[in-house]
């Protein structure tokens, strides 16, 4: 493998030496790729700190939604996005199954309760868009509830944006083959096995149904004021960087 002077400099860095020495068999190509990713991620995380400082100092509000199929890497992207910023000024929200009282409320109410205060960033690991895809596919809502949601969501998001809130909507897209591979890895790992739910177990079987509802969601809710950003998530490192780059490009921090 022919290495440039810049490649050698990267491999001699702290991240490069770690990538080289973490396994018994040295793979220069893989180590260089990991080092380039780590170097790029560090730079983007420095910018995220600047963005958060701008949010705090100017009482801004940011909502970032992470949607996508099961095992698409949403949680990992959120962790990379937040691991260097001030934990007192962001929240990561992954709501549980609604309680009996929440089921009787207006659907959006429990999400409204999680929206950011001035000077805060909130990241949703799945959001109100559960009702657009996961719930109808798995029979967790009625057709009427689904139709009401689809008729209200665009106006809800417009009101959110008009209240001086920045809204970013990510959809992490993976192939059926990649999802199956990730499920196998999760099941093999004692540290990850807890991630598999009964919904995950049926994801491959219901793939086409998920696709139909996903496409309907894009058709109806990809609006000018709140467009979807589709991220190719077959490679996790690429997806994480692309999501962070888009946030830095979209939010006009100084």
Protein backbone atom coordinates (compact mmCIF):
# COMPACT_ATOMS: atom_id res chain seq x y z
CA UNK A 1 0.00 0.00 0.00
CA UNK A 2 1.45 3.39 -1.02
CA UNK A 3 1.11 5.90 1.79
CA UNK A 4 1.33 9.65 1.29
CA UNK A 5 3.03 11.98 3.74
CA UNK A 6 -0.41 13.01 5.03
CA UNK A 7 -1.37 9.32 5.52
CA UNK A 8 1.79 8.75 7.58
CA UNK A 9 1.06 11.83 9.66
CA UNK A 10 -2.43 10.54 10.41
CA UNK A 11 -1.20 7.04 11.30
CA UNK A 12 1.38 8.56 13.68
CA UNK A 13 -1.32 10.49 15.53
CA UNK A 14 -2.96 9.24 18.72
CA UNK A 15 -6.01 8.01 16.78
CA UNK A 16 -3.80 6.38 14.13
CA UNK A 17 -1.64 4.50 16.61
CA UNK A 18 -4.74 3.27 18.41
CA UNK A 19 -6.24 2.02 15.14
CA UNK A 20 -2.97 0.23 14.27
CA UNK A 21 -2.39 -1.41 17.65
CA UNK A 22 -5.91 -2.36 18.74
CA UNK A 23 -5.81 -5.71 16.91
CA UNK A 24 -3.08 -8.35 16.61
CA UNK A 25 -3.10 -8.36 12.83
CA UNK A 26 -2.14 -4.97 11.40
CA UNK A 27 -4.30 -3.80 8.49
CA UNK A 28 -2.91 -0.50 7.20
CA UNK A 29 -5.86 0.23 4.93
CA UNK A 30 -8.45 -0.32 7.65
CA UNK A 31 -6.38 1.57 10.23
CA UNK A 32 -6.02 4.55 7.90
CA UNK A 33 -9.75 4.58 7.15
CA UNK A 34 -10.58 4.52 10.87
CA UNK A 35 -8.05 7.28 11.56
CA UNK A 36 -9.42 9.54 8.83
CA UNK A 37 -12.93 9.00 10.26
CA UNK A 38 -11.78 9.75 13.83
CA UNK A 39 -9.93 12.88 12.69
CA UNK A 40 -12.95 14.14 10.74
CA UNK A 41 -15.32 13.32 13.61
CA UNK A 42 -13.15 15.26 16.07
CA UNK A 43 -13.28 18.35 13.84
CA UNK A 44 -17.06 18.13 13.45
CA UNK A 45 -17.53 17.64 17.20
CA UNK A 46 -15.50 20.80 17.83
CA UNK A 47 -17.94 22.65 15.57
CA UNK A 48 -20.89 21.12 17.44
CA UNK A 49 -19.53 22.68 20.64
CA UNK A 50 -19.51 26.07 18.90
CA UNK A 51 -23.06 25.47 17.67
CA UNK A 52 -24.23 24.57 21.18
CA UNK A 53 -22.58 27.68 22.65
CA UNK A 54 -24.49 29.76 20.08
CA UNK A 55 -27.73 28.01 21.06
CA UNK A 56 -27.13 28.70 24.77
CA UNK A 57 -26.04 32.32 24.37
CA UNK A 58 -28.92 33.23 22.04
CA UNK A 59 -31.74 31.19 23.64
CA UNK A 60 -32.22 29.16 20.46
CA UNK A 61 -34.20 25.92 20.28
CA UNK A 62 -33.29 22.94 18.11
CA UNK A 63 -35.18 19.69 17.49
CA UNK A 64 -33.47 16.88 15.57
CA UNK A 65 -35.51 13.82 14.62
CA UNK A 66 -33.85 10.48 13.86
CA UNK A 67 -36.11 8.05 12.01
CA UNK A 68 -35.32 4.88 10.06
CA UNK A 69 -35.74 1.14 10.10
CA UNK A 70 -34.75 -0.96 13.09
CA UNK A 71 -30.94 -1.32 13.38
CA UNK A 72 -30.35 1.63 11.03
CA UNK A 73 -27.87 3.20 13.47
CA UNK A 74 -29.95 6.06 14.84
CA UNK A 75 -28.77 5.61 18.43
CA UNK A 76 -25.10 5.44 17.44
CA UNK A 77 -25.40 8.67 15.45
CA UNK A 78 -27.01 10.43 18.43
CA UNK A 79 -24.20 9.26 20.71
CA UNK A 80 -21.51 10.63 18.37
CA UNK A 81 -23.40 13.88 18.02
CA UNK A 82 -23.68 14.42 21.77
CA UNK A 83 -20.55 12.86 23.28
CA UNK A 84 -18.55 16.13 23.38
CA UNK A 85 -21.22 18.76 23.99
CA UNK A 86 -22.46 20.08 27.34
CA UNK A 87 -24.92 17.50 28.80
CA UNK A 88 -26.79 20.20 30.73
CA UNK A 89 -28.04 21.81 27.53
CA UNK A 90 -29.26 18.89 25.43
CA UNK A 91 -31.64 15.98 25.88
CA UNK A 92 -31.89 12.70 24.00
CA UNK A 93 -35.49 11.47 23.98
CA UNK A 94 -36.60 7.88 23.30
CA UNK A 95 -40.15 7.55 24.59
CA UNK A 96 -41.56 4.28 25.86
CA UNK A 97 -44.93 2.80 24.90
CA UNK A 98 -47.61 5.37 25.84
CA UNK A 99 -49.44 4.93 29.13
CA UNK A 100 -53.23 4.57 29.30
CA UNK A 101 -53.57 8.29 30.05
CA UNK A 102 -51.26 9.23 27.17
CA UNK A 103 -53.31 7.12 24.77
CA UNK A 104 -56.35 9.24 25.67
CA UNK A 105 -54.51 12.54 25.11
CA UNK A 106 -54.01 14.38 21.85
CA UNK A 107 -51.36 12.31 20.11
CA UNK A 108 -48.77 15.11 19.95
CA UNK A 109 -49.13 16.08 23.60
CA UNK A 110 -46.45 13.80 25.05
CA UNK A 111 -44.01 15.00 22.40
CA UNK A 112 -44.82 18.64 23.13
CA UNK A 113 -43.83 17.95 26.75
CA UNK A 114 -40.35 17.00 25.49
CA UNK A 115 -39.72 20.02 23.26
CA UNK A 116 -36.64 22.19 24.01
CA UNK A 117 -36.51 25.12 26.36
CA UNK A 118 -34.66 28.23 25.13
CA UNK A 119 -30.94 27.41 24.92
CA UNK A 120 -31.51 23.67 24.49
CA UNK A 121 -31.13 20.97 21.84
CA UNK A 122 -33.45 17.94 21.86
CA UNK A 123 -32.77 14.82 19.80
CA UNK A 124 -35.58 12.32 19.24
CA UNK A 125 -34.56 8.68 18.77
CA UNK A 126 -37.83 8.00 16.93
CA UNK A 127 -40.48 10.66 17.20
CA UNK A 128 -44.11 11.41 16.42
CA UNK A 129 -43.42 9.68 13.10
CA UNK A 130 -43.90 6.36 14.89
CA UNK A 131 -47.54 6.87 13.97
CA UNK A 132 -46.66 7.25 10.29
CA UNK A 133 -44.85 3.92 9.94
CA UNK A 134 -44.19 1.67 12.96
CA UNK A 135 -47.66 1.87 14.48
CA UNK A 136 -49.77 1.17 11.38
CA UNK A 137 -47.42 -1.59 10.17
CA UNK A 138 -47.63 -3.41 13.50
CA UNK A 139 -51.30 -2.68 14.21
CA UNK A 140 -50.60 -0.36 17.15
CA UNK A 141 -53.04 2.30 15.92
CA UNK A 142 -56.32 2.35 14.03
CA UNK A 143 -56.67 3.53 10.44
CA UNK A 144 -58.60 6.55 11.70
CA UNK A 145 -55.79 7.47 14.14
CA UNK A 146 -53.26 7.14 11.34
CA UNK A 147 -55.30 9.35 8.99
CA UNK A 148 -55.79 12.03 11.67
CA UNK A 149 -52.06 12.09 12.34
CA UNK A 150 -51.22 12.44 8.65
CA UNK A 151 -53.69 15.32 8.33
CA UNK A 152 -52.23 17.19 11.34
CA UNK A 153 -48.47 16.59 11.32
CA UNK A 154 -47.50 19.22 8.74
CA UNK A 155 -49.39 21.97 10.56
CA UNK A 156 -47.94 20.81 13.88
CA UNK A 157 -44.41 21.13 12.48
CA UNK A 158 -45.21 24.50 10.93
CA UNK A 159 -46.34 25.80 14.31
CA UNK A 160 -43.18 24.40 15.88
CA UNK A 161 -40.97 26.21 13.37
CA UNK A 162 -43.00 29.43 13.70
CA UNK A 163 -42.25 29.35 17.44
CA UNK A 164 -38.57 29.96 16.57
CA UNK A 165 -37.53 26.31 16.72
CA UNK A 166 -35.11 24.78 14.21
CA UNK A 167 -36.37 21.37 13.05
CA UNK A 168 -34.17 18.81 11.28
CA UNK A 169 -35.67 15.47 10.15
CA UNK A 170 -33.30 12.59 9.36
CA UNK A 171 -34.30 9.25 7.87
CA UNK A 172 -31.52 6.64 8.12
CA UNK A 173 -31.90 4.30 5.15
CA UNK A 174 -30.45 0.76 5.04
CA UNK A 175 -31.00 -2.21 2.73
CA UNK A 176 -32.87 -5.35 3.73
CA UNK A 177 -29.63 -7.36 3.49
CA UNK A 178 -27.78 -4.94 5.78
CA UNK A 179 -30.59 -4.97 8.32
CA UNK A 180 -30.50 -8.79 8.40
CA UNK A 181 -26.71 -8.74 8.92
CA UNK A 182 -27.00 -6.27 11.81
CA UNK A 183 -29.75 -8.32 13.44
CA UNK A 184 -27.47 -11.40 13.32
CA UNK A 185 -24.64 -9.42 14.94
CA UNK A 186 -26.96 -8.14 17.67
CA UNK A 187 -28.24 -11.63 18.48
CA UNK A 188 -24.68 -13.00 18.68
CA UNK A 189 -23.49 -10.34 21.13
CA UNK A 190 -24.37 -10.73 24.85
CA UNK A 191 -23.84 -6.96 25.19
CA UNK A 192 -26.28 -6.05 22.42
CA UNK A 193 -28.92 -8.77 22.63
CA UNK A 194 -31.17 -6.60 24.79
CA UNK A 195 -31.70 -4.31 21.79
CA UNK A 196 -33.83 -6.90 19.96
CA UNK A 197 -37.54 -6.38 20.55
CA UNK A 198 -40.60 -8.24 19.33
CA UNK A 199 -41.04 -5.46 16.74
CA UNK A 200 -37.46 -5.98 15.54
CA UNK A 201 -38.06 -9.72 15.19
CA UNK A 202 -40.79 -9.06 12.60
CA UNK A 203 -38.99 -6.27 10.72
CA UNK A 204 -37.67 -8.46 7.92
CA UNK A 205 -41.00 -10.22 7.45
CA UNK A 206 -42.83 -6.87 7.26
CA UNK A 207 -40.17 -5.14 5.12
CA UNK A 208 -42.50 -4.36 2.18
CA UNK A 209 -45.21 -3.00 4.46
CA UNK A 210 -42.67 -0.70 6.12
CA UNK A 211 -41.61 0.45 2.65
CA UNK A 212 -45.18 1.37 1.62
CA UNK A 213 -45.82 3.43 4.74
CA UNK A 214 -42.38 5.03 4.57
CA UNK A 215 -42.99 6.16 0.99
CA UNK A 216 -46.40 7.55 1.94
CA UNK A 217 -44.77 9.43 4.83
CA UNK A 218 -42.24 11.02 2.47
CA UNK A 219 -44.96 11.89 -0.04
CA UNK A 220 -47.11 13.71 2.51
CA UNK A 221 -44.62 15.15 5.01
CA UNK A 222 -41.60 16.14 2.90
CA UNK A 223 -42.61 19.79 3.04
CA UNK A 224 -40.77 22.96 2.11
CA UNK A 225 -40.71 24.12 5.74
CA UNK A 226 -39.70 20.70 7.14
CA UNK A 227 -38.03 18.52 4.48
CA UNK A 228 -36.69 15.02 5.08
CA UNK A 229 -32.95 14.40 4.89
CA UNK A 230 -32.38 10.82 3.73
CA UNK A 231 -29.03 9.46 4.94
CA UNK A 232 -27.44 6.38 3.39
CA UNK A 233 -26.80 4.42 6.60
CA UNK A 234 -25.42 1.14 5.22
CA UNK A 235 -22.04 2.35 6.50
CA UNK A 236 -22.43 3.67 10.04
CA UNK A 237 -19.40 5.96 10.03
CA UNK A 238 -20.56 7.66 6.83
CA UNK A 239 -24.09 8.13 8.21
CA UNK A 240 -22.86 9.70 11.45
CA UNK A 241 -20.64 12.20 9.69
CA UNK A 242 -23.30 13.08 7.11
CA UNK A 243 -25.88 13.78 9.81
CA UNK A 244 -23.53 16.03 11.75
CA UNK A 245 -22.40 17.83 8.59
CA UNK A 246 -26.01 18.55 7.66
CA UNK A 247 -26.80 20.00 11.10
CA UNK A 248 -23.73 22.24 10.97
CA UNK A 249 -24.68 23.37 7.46
CA UNK A 250 -28.37 23.94 8.25
CA UNK A 251 -28.24 25.75 11.58
CA UNK A 252 -26.90 29.30 11.06
CA UNK A 253 -24.69 29.39 14.16
CA UNK A 254 -21.82 31.88 14.35
